[in-house]
Amino acid sequence: MPGTTEVLGIQKTPFLFMNAAIFPCKNDPLPMTIWDLYNNYKGAYAPEEFQRPESWSTKERKAYFLSVLMNRIEGTFVFVDVEIARSRVESIDPTDISYTYFNNLLKQMIEKIVLEGNNRLKFFEALLNDEYTIPSGTYYYLPDPHSTSLTQFVVGKHSNVFSKLPKLVQKAIKGRKVIVSEYTQIDYKGLSDVFVNVNSGVPLNAQELRNALHTNWASYVRQMRKELAPLLIKMIGKRYKKRLVGDEWIVDAIDMVLNNYCKDEKISDYEMNGVTQTSKNKLYVSDYNQFDEQKFTDNFIILADYVDKLIDDKWEELPEKTILRKSSVMNLFWMINNGIDTYEQAVEALHLHEEVYKDKDLRNDVDYTYKWACGGMGDKNMEFRMQVLPEIVEKTKSKVVA
């Protein structure tokens, strides 16, 4: 198609094409002390489209703290000066989408964007603000880059924040050097490209790449991640944002519903398609206007409410671990979109689903159990699910009237 390019192995729509007149330009990378980095860039905005969410664990924070002490900090911090970038776009092509994007950021008093190094920057902010609690223990540090020996200090429960560290340790940390690269001219597509390029050492997974696309799909999934955060935490854990695993679960659920449906109710003829990276890539460049956003949003919220109530009601045959099984929650979402209308029906449907899930005698044409089908999202998995789920819906509706 004219005016398109390849991303994720599929065609990107023209509105994602780079504006050739607003090619990315940056200042030469500069060494900068941690203290100057903190003062110049604290509060920098990390766009959800172009940055992995802040997701360091306690272990990762401590490991990075140790690398700072030993003066072994690696990796470039990449920023965009929003005001200068907006001015450049305005002088070149004020109709470009990036002008509106930068303008909106400035209205929110956002002057810097961080495209690489957000977790590191947030760590430094927390450390220097005394928000980071340093684990108790004995530490060694390099007093300055030219030191030939290490110096020891102890962190106790009453000296476990930055301001209570020995003054020489504070001075050493503030003086550590990092490398900063700042873009002064860039368009929206360039933001995505730079984000992808600077993460080449830790390759972006498929969902992170989809998230960087400028589409309504990406915005919707990010919004649903916020709406469904309590459910995602219950299913996946507090690190549901790491590598966007929560986002991908939402996309899997949407793709499953959209691509597995009844074509003819009279003869129970179902369209059956696996949920794959390719199908999800296609979803992200499909016509969003054909998507019933309100229906899906309502049903996601209903799903979360039902799951909470199922847990609170403490059903004997449905322990919390069973209710929160990711495949079971996703299958329940499909059933809510295909005939399950009330909480009472959801309870019955999930009871029937668990019976089938445990049935070792129920097997498909290649002798796999239904439990196996729930363990994946491929064509064969979905084919088996579409043999079971519609039947559960039908049995439920005949037994529990809405």
Protein backbone atom coordinates (compact mmCIF):
# COMPACT_ATOMS: atom_id res chain seq x y z
CA MET A 1 0.00 0.00 0.00
CA PRO A 2 1.45 3.44 -0.85
CA GLY A 3 2.68 5.38 2.14
CA THR A 4 2.96 2.39 4.47
CA THR A 5 5.92 0.71 6.10
CA GLU A 6 6.59 -2.60 7.82
CA VAL A 7 6.40 -2.99 11.60
CA LEU A 8 6.11 -6.28 13.52
CA GLY A 9 5.90 -8.02 10.15
CA ILE A 10 2.68 -6.23 9.23
CA GLN A 11 1.84 -3.02 7.42
CA LYS A 12 1.59 0.16 9.39
CA THR A 13 -1.00 2.73 8.46
CA PRO A 14 0.12 6.00 6.85
CA PHE A 15 -0.47 8.18 9.95
CA LEU A 16 2.51 6.45 11.57
CA PHE A 17 4.91 7.43 8.80
CA MET A 18 7.76 9.70 9.83
CA ASN A 19 7.59 13.34 8.75
CA ALA A 20 10.81 13.56 6.72
CA ALA A 21 11.13 17.28 7.45
CA ILE A 22 11.17 16.69 11.23
CA PHE A 23 13.95 14.13 11.40
CA PRO A 24 15.32 13.38 14.88
CA CYS A 25 18.17 15.66 16.01
CA LYS A 26 19.96 15.57 19.33
CA ASN A 27 22.76 17.29 21.18
CA ASP A 28 26.03 15.45 21.62
CA PRO A 29 25.88 13.03 24.56
CA LEU A 30 27.30 14.62 27.72
CA PRO A 31 28.70 13.23 30.96
CA MET A 32 26.71 14.55 33.90
CA THR A 33 26.84 13.96 37.66
CA ILE A 34 23.95 12.16 39.32
CA TRP A 35 23.27 15.34 41.27
CA ASP A 36 22.97 17.40 38.08
CA LEU A 37 20.86 14.69 36.44
CA TYR A 38 18.53 14.82 39.42
CA ASN A 39 18.22 18.60 39.39
CA ASN A 40 17.89 18.95 35.61
CA TYR A 41 15.53 16.05 34.90
CA LYS A 42 13.64 15.13 38.06
CA GLY A 43 9.98 14.68 37.28
CA ALA A 44 10.65 13.95 33.60
CA TYR A 45 7.61 12.42 31.95
CA ALA A 46 7.81 8.83 30.75
CA PRO A 47 5.14 8.42 28.02
CA GLU A 48 3.43 5.07 28.36
CA GLU A 49 3.70 4.66 24.61
CA PHE A 50 7.49 4.94 24.56
CA GLN A 51 8.75 3.71 27.90
CA ARG A 52 8.56 0.55 29.92
CA PRO A 53 6.52 1.25 33.07
CA GLU A 54 8.49 1.73 36.29
CA SER A 55 8.76 -1.82 37.54
CA TRP A 56 12.00 -2.46 39.40
CA SER A 57 11.85 -4.97 42.21
CA THR A 58 13.53 -4.54 45.60
CA LYS A 59 16.32 -6.81 44.38
CA GLU A 60 16.89 -4.73 41.24
CA ARG A 61 16.99 -1.46 43.21
CA LYS A 62 19.59 -2.85 45.60
CA ALA A 63 21.69 -4.18 42.71
CA TYR A 64 21.66 -0.76 41.07
CA PHE A 65 22.55 0.93 44.38
CA LEU A 66 25.57 -1.36 44.64
CA SER A 67 26.63 -0.48 41.09
CA VAL A 68 26.46 3.22 42.02
CA LEU A 69 28.61 2.65 45.08
CA MET A 70 31.19 0.83 42.97
CA ASN A 71 31.04 3.45 40.17
CA ARG A 72 29.87 0.86 37.64
CA ILE A 73 26.91 2.74 36.17
CA GLU A 74 26.28 1.90 32.54
CA GLY A 75 23.69 2.97 30.00
CA THR A 76 22.70 6.30 28.47
CA PHE A 77 19.79 8.41 29.66
CA VAL A 78 17.76 9.65 26.69
CA PHE A 79 15.55 12.73 27.00
CA VAL A 80 13.55 15.08 24.80
CA ASP A 81 13.42 18.82 25.51
CA VAL A 82 9.70 19.34 24.93
CA GLU A 83 9.78 23.12 24.59
CA ILE A 84 12.58 23.17 22.03
CA ALA A 85 11.06 20.21 20.16
CA ARG A 86 7.69 21.96 20.01
CA SER A 87 9.34 25.13 18.70
CA ARG A 88 11.19 23.21 15.99
CA VAL A 89 8.01 21.42 14.85
CA GLU A 90 6.10 24.71 14.85
CA SER A 91 8.67 26.30 12.54
CA ILE A 92 8.76 23.30 10.18
CA ASP A 93 5.21 21.91 10.08
CA PRO A 94 2.73 23.03 12.76
CA THR A 95 0.13 20.65 11.28
CA ASP A 96 2.19 17.62 12.33
CA ILE A 97 0.62 15.55 15.13
CA SER A 98 3.75 15.96 17.25
CA TYR A 99 3.08 19.71 17.56
CA THR A 100 -0.25 19.01 19.29
CA TYR A 101 1.39 16.28 21.37
CA PHE A 102 4.20 18.54 22.62
CA ASN A 103 1.82 21.45 23.12
CA ASN A 104 -0.42 19.35 25.36
CA LEU A 105 2.57 18.28 27.44
CA LEU A 106 3.66 21.87 27.96
CA LYS A 107 0.14 22.80 29.07
CA GLN A 108 0.60 20.16 31.79
CA MET A 109 3.93 21.77 32.78
CA ILE A 110 5.89 18.82 31.37
CA GLU A 111 9.21 20.08 30.02
CA LYS A 112 11.21 16.86 29.63
CA ILE A 113 10.39 13.41 28.24
CA VAL A 114 12.49 10.40 29.22
CA LEU A 115 12.74 7.75 26.50
CA GLU A 116 15.42 5.60 28.12
CA GLY A 117 16.45 5.30 31.75
CA ASN A 118 13.14 5.93 33.49
CA ASN A 119 13.63 3.21 36.12
CA ARG A 120 17.14 4.50 36.83
CA LEU A 121 15.96 8.11 37.01
CA LYS A 122 13.11 7.22 39.37
CA PHE A 123 15.57 5.30 41.53
CA PHE A 124 17.86 8.33 41.82
CA GLU A 125 14.89 10.54 42.66
CA ALA A 126 13.75 8.15 45.38
CA LEU A 127 17.30 7.76 46.73
CA LEU A 128 18.10 11.48 46.91
CA ASN A 129 14.64 12.31 48.31
CA ASP A 130 15.08 9.76 51.12
CA GLU A 131 12.13 7.79 49.72
CA TYR A 132 14.31 4.74 49.06
CA THR A 133 15.00 2.66 52.17
CA ILE A 134 18.50 1.23 51.89
CA PRO A 135 18.66 -2.37 53.14
CA SER A 136 20.63 -2.77 56.36
CA GLY A 137 24.08 -4.21 56.01
CA THR A 138 27.77 -3.57 55.44
CA TYR A 139 28.65 -1.83 52.17
CA TYR A 140 31.80 -0.97 50.26
CA TYR A 141 32.22 1.94 47.92
CA LEU A 142 34.81 3.59 45.73
CA PRO A 143 35.44 7.05 47.21
CA ASP A 144 36.40 8.50 43.80
CA PRO A 145 37.22 7.12 40.31
CA HIS A 146 40.95 7.24 41.03
CA SER A 147 40.81 5.38 44.33
CA THR A 148 42.91 2.25 44.60
CA SER A 149 41.01 0.74 47.53
CA LEU A 150 37.44 0.43 48.77
CA THR A 151 35.99 2.03 51.87
CA GLN A 152 33.49 0.37 54.16
CA PHE A 153 30.38 1.79 55.80
CA VAL A 154 27.41 0.31 57.66
CA VAL A 155 23.70 0.96 57.13
CA GLY A 156 21.46 0.30 60.12
CA LYS A 157 17.76 0.69 60.72
CA HIS A 158 18.29 4.29 61.88
CA SER A 159 20.62 5.28 59.05
CA ASN A 160 18.92 3.69 56.07
CA VAL A 161 18.21 6.72 53.88
CA PHE A 162 20.53 8.86 51.78
CA SER A 163 20.63 11.92 54.07
CA LYS A 164 21.84 9.74 56.96
CA LEU A 165 24.69 8.12 55.06
CA PRO A 166 28.24 9.26 55.84
CA LYS A 167 28.93 12.62 54.17
CA LEU A 168 31.73 11.19 52.06
CA VAL A 169 29.40 8.46 50.76
CA GLN A 170 26.77 11.08 49.88
CA LYS A 171 29.43 13.13 48.07
CA ALA A 172 30.65 10.11 46.12
CA ILE A 173 27.11 9.18 45.01
CA LYS A 174 26.23 12.73 43.96
CA GLY A 175 29.44 12.95 41.95
CA ARG A 176 29.05 9.72 39.98
CA LYS A 177 28.91 10.40 36.25
CA VAL A 178 26.23 9.23 33.82
CA ILE A 179 25.80 9.89 30.09
CA VAL A 180 22.86 12.01 28.96
CA SER A 181 21.58 12.33 25.40
CA GLU A 182 18.90 14.96 24.67
CA TYR A 183 16.78 15.30 21.54
CA THR A 184 15.78 18.78 20.44
CA GLN A 185 13.97 17.90 17.20
CA ILE A 186 11.76 14.87 16.74
CA ASP A 187 8.27 13.92 15.56
CA TYR A 188 5.84 11.42 17.05
CA LYS A 189 7.05 8.55 14.88
CA GLY A 190 10.61 9.45 15.81
CA LEU A 191 9.77 9.06 19.50
CA SER A 192 8.66 5.49 18.80
CA ASP A 193 11.73 4.73 16.68
CA VAL A 194 14.19 6.09 19.24
CA PHE A 195 12.48 4.11 21.99
CA VAL A 196 12.78 0.91 19.95
CA ASN A 197 16.40 1.61 19.00
CA VAL A 198 17.66 2.40 22.50
CA ASN A 199 16.13 -0.84 23.75
CA SER A 200 17.96 -2.99 21.23
CA GLY A 201 20.14 -4.38 24.04
CA VAL A 202 17.05 -5.62 25.88
CA PRO A 203 14.73 -6.35 22.94
CA LEU A 204 11.18 -5.14 23.25
CA ASN A 205 8.66 -7.95 23.35
CA ALA A 206 5.73 -7.99 20.95
CA GLN A 207 3.35 -6.22 23.35
CA GLU A 208 5.87 -3.46 24.09
CA LEU A 209 6.23 -2.90 20.35
CA ARG A 210 2.46 -2.79 19.90
CA ASN A 211 2.21 -0.34 22.78
CA ALA A 212 4.57 2.04 20.96
CA LEU A 213 2.27 2.21 17.93
CA HIS A 214 0.24 5.40 17.58
CA THR A 215 -3.20 3.78 17.42
CA ASN A 216 -6.43 3.98 19.40
CA TRP A 217 -5.95 0.32 20.25
CA ALA A 218 -2.78 1.08 22.21
CA SER A 219 -4.50 3.90 24.09
CA TYR A 220 -7.52 1.74 24.90
CA VAL A 221 -5.46 -1.16 26.25
CA ARG A 222 -3.41 1.18 28.45
CA GLN A 223 -6.63 2.68 29.82
CA MET A 224 -8.10 -0.76 30.52
CA ARG A 225 -4.88 -1.72 32.31
CA LYS A 226 -5.61 1.12 34.74
CA GLU A 227 -9.29 0.18 35.07
CA LEU A 228 -8.49 -3.49 35.63
CA ALA A 229 -5.44 -3.00 37.84
CA PRO A 230 -7.00 -4.68 40.93
CA LEU A 231 -7.99 -7.74 38.86
CA LEU A 232 -4.61 -7.92 37.12
CA ILE A 233 -2.82 -7.73 40.47
CA LYS A 234 -4.93 -10.61 41.78
CA MET A 235 -4.26 -12.75 38.69
CA ILE A 236 -0.68 -11.82 37.81
CA GLY A 237 0.78 -10.05 40.83
CA LYS A 238 1.96 -6.54 41.61
CA ARG A 239 4.40 -6.63 38.71
CA TYR A 240 1.62 -6.89 36.14
CA LYS A 241 3.08 -3.87 34.32
CA LYS A 242 6.52 -5.41 33.90
CA ARG A 243 7.07 -6.17 30.22
CA LEU A 244 3.37 -5.23 29.85
CA VAL A 245 2.16 -8.73 30.76
CA GLY A 246 -1.13 -7.30 32.04
CA ASP A 247 -1.65 -5.40 28.79
CA GLU A 248 -1.06 -8.57 26.82
CA TRP A 249 -3.64 -10.48 28.85
CA ILE A 250 -6.19 -7.77 27.98
CA VAL A 251 -5.27 -7.97 24.28
CA ASP A 252 -5.53 -11.78 24.38
CA ALA A 253 -9.03 -11.49 25.87
CA ILE A 254 -10.17 -8.95 23.26
CA ASP A 255 -8.69 -10.92 20.38
CA MET A 256 -10.28 -14.14 21.62
CA VAL A 257 -13.74 -12.57 21.71
CA LEU A 258 -13.42 -10.79 18.36
CA ASN A 259 -12.09 -13.78 16.45
CA ASN A 260 -14.08 -16.62 18.02
CA TYR A 261 -17.81 -16.11 17.60
CA CYS A 262 -21.03 -17.75 16.44
CA LYS A 263 -21.57 -17.35 12.70
CA ASP A 264 -24.93 -19.11 12.67
CA GLU A 265 -26.89 -19.70 15.89
CA LYS A 266 -29.32 -22.09 14.18
CA ILE A 267 -26.65 -24.67 13.56
CA SER A 268 -24.17 -23.52 16.25
CA ASP A 269 -21.54 -22.78 13.63
CA TYR A 270 -18.56 -21.03 15.21
CA GLU A 271 -15.69 -19.10 13.73
CA MET A 272 -12.57 -20.42 15.48
CA ASN A 273 -9.18 -18.72 15.40
CA GLY A 274 -6.10 -18.93 17.56
CA VAL A 275 -4.81 -15.87 19.37
CA THR A 276 -1.25 -15.32 18.18
CA GLN A 277 1.26 -12.49 18.03
CA THR A 278 0.33 -12.09 14.37
CA SER A 279 -3.40 -11.83 15.11
CA LYS A 280 -2.72 -9.30 17.87
CA ASN A 281 -0.46 -7.26 15.58
CA LYS A 282 -3.26 -7.17 13.02
CA LEU A 283 -5.70 -6.10 15.71
CA TYR A 284 -3.57 -3.05 16.52
CA VAL A 285 -3.68 -1.78 12.93
CA SER A 286 -7.33 -2.69 12.30
CA ASP A 287 -10.17 -0.16 12.06
CA TYR A 288 -10.84 0.92 15.64
CA ASN A 289 -14.13 2.48 14.59
CA GLN A 290 -15.49 -1.03 14.05
CA PHE A 291 -14.74 -1.92 17.68
CA ASP A 292 -17.58 -1.67 20.21
CA GLU A 293 -15.49 0.08 22.86
CA GLN A 294 -18.35 0.69 25.28
CA LYS A 295 -19.52 -2.92 25.23
CA PHE A 296 -16.04 -4.28 25.90
CA THR A 297 -15.35 -1.73 28.60
CA ASP A 298 -18.63 -2.54 30.35
CA ASN A 299 -17.96 -6.26 30.12
CA PHE A 300 -14.42 -5.92 31.48
CA ILE A 301 -15.79 -4.02 34.47
CA ILE A 302 -18.53 -6.63 34.93
CA LEU A 303 -15.88 -9.36 34.77
CA ALA A 304 -13.81 -7.69 37.51
CA ASP A 305 -16.91 -7.26 39.69
CA TYR A 306 -17.94 -10.89 39.24
CA VAL A 307 -14.45 -12.15 40.11
CA ASP A 308 -14.38 -10.06 43.29
CA LYS A 309 -17.80 -11.34 44.33
CA LEU A 310 -16.88 -14.94 43.53
CA ILE A 311 -13.88 -14.64 45.85
CA ASP A 312 -15.89 -12.92 48.59
CA ASP A 313 -18.62 -15.56 48.45
CA LYS A 314 -16.07 -18.33 49.13
CA TRP A 315 -17.57 -21.09 46.98
CA GLU A 316 -16.40 -24.45 48.28
CA GLU A 317 -15.78 -25.95 44.83
CA LEU A 318 -14.15 -22.76 43.56
CA PRO A 319 -11.17 -21.76 45.71
CA GLU A 320 -9.63 -18.37 45.05
CA LYS A 321 -6.71 -19.90 43.15
CA THR A 322 -9.14 -21.56 40.75
CA ILE A 323 -11.21 -18.43 40.26
CA LEU A 324 -8.09 -16.39 39.46
CA ARG A 325 -6.65 -18.86 36.97
CA LYS A 326 -5.83 -16.58 34.02
CA SER A 327 -7.39 -18.87 31.41
CA SER A 328 -10.56 -19.29 33.48
CA VAL A 329 -10.99 -15.54 33.88
CA MET A 330 -10.45 -15.08 30.15
CA ASN A 331 -12.93 -17.84 29.33
CA LEU A 332 -15.45 -16.21 31.67
CA PHE A 333 -14.93 -12.94 29.80
CA TRP A 334 -15.72 -14.72 26.52
CA MET A 335 -18.87 -16.18 28.07
CA ILE A 336 -19.96 -12.76 29.39
CA ASN A 337 -19.67 -11.51 25.82
CA ASN A 338 -21.64 -14.49 24.54
CA GLY A 339 -24.70 -14.91 26.73
CA ILE A 340 -23.81 -14.94 30.42
CA ASP A 341 -25.85 -12.01 31.73
CA THR A 342 -25.95 -12.23 35.53
CA TYR A 343 -23.70 -13.00 38.46
CA GLU A 344 -25.76 -16.13 39.24
CA GLN A 345 -25.16 -17.36 35.71
CA ALA A 346 -21.44 -16.58 36.01
CA VAL A 347 -21.26 -18.70 39.18
CA GLU A 348 -22.95 -21.64 37.46
CA ALA A 349 -20.84 -21.25 34.34
CA LEU A 350 -17.61 -21.24 36.32
CA HIS A 351 -18.69 -24.34 38.27
CA LEU A 352 -19.43 -26.16 35.00
CA HIS A 353 -16.16 -24.91 33.55
CA GLU A 354 -14.17 -26.30 36.45
CA GLU A 355 -15.83 -29.70 36.06
CA VAL A 356 -14.79 -29.81 32.42
CA TYR A 357 -11.32 -28.49 33.25
CA LYS A 358 -10.75 -31.44 35.60
CA ASP A 359 -12.32 -34.04 33.29
CA LYS A 360 -9.41 -36.19 32.09
CA ASP A 361 -11.69 -38.21 29.83
CA LEU A 362 -12.79 -35.24 27.74
CA ARG A 363 -10.28 -35.10 24.89
CA ASN A 364 -10.05 -33.60 21.43
CA ASP A 365 -9.17 -35.30 18.14
CA VAL A 366 -5.46 -35.35 18.98
CA ASP A 367 -6.14 -36.82 22.44
CA TYR A 368 -5.45 -33.65 24.44
CA THR A 369 -7.54 -32.69 27.47
CA TYR A 370 -9.53 -29.50 27.86
CA LYS A 371 -7.04 -28.46 30.56
CA TRP A 372 -4.40 -28.56 27.83
CA ALA A 373 -6.61 -26.35 25.64
CA CYS A 374 -6.73 -23.74 28.41
CA GLY A 375 -2.96 -23.72 28.63
CA GLY A 376 -2.47 -22.08 25.25
CA MET A 377 -4.07 -19.76 22.70
CA GLY A 378 -3.26 -21.48 19.40
CA ASP A 379 -5.70 -22.71 16.74
CA LYS A 380 -6.15 -26.16 18.29
CA ASN A 381 -6.55 -24.70 21.77
CA MET A 382 -9.26 -22.31 20.58
CA GLU A 383 -10.98 -24.99 18.56
CA PHE A 384 -11.37 -27.09 21.72
CA ARG A 385 -12.44 -24.11 23.81
CA MET A 386 -15.10 -23.23 21.23
CA GLN A 387 -16.47 -26.75 21.54
CA VAL A 388 -16.77 -26.41 25.31
CA LEU A 389 -17.57 -22.78 26.15
CA PRO A 390 -20.74 -22.38 24.01
CA GLU A 391 -22.10 -25.59 25.54
CA ILE A 392 -21.43 -24.26 29.05
CA VAL A 393 -23.26 -21.03 28.18
CA GLU A 394 -26.22 -22.99 26.80
CA LYS A 395 -26.43 -25.29 29.87
CA THR A 396 -26.11 -22.33 32.21
CA LYS A 397 -28.87 -20.30 30.54
CA SER A 398 -31.24 -23.25 30.57
CA LYS A 399 -30.59 -23.82 34.27
CA VAL A 400 -30.29 -20.23 35.57
CA VAL A 401 -32.76 -17.79 34.07
CA ALA A 402 -31.51 -14.23 33.81
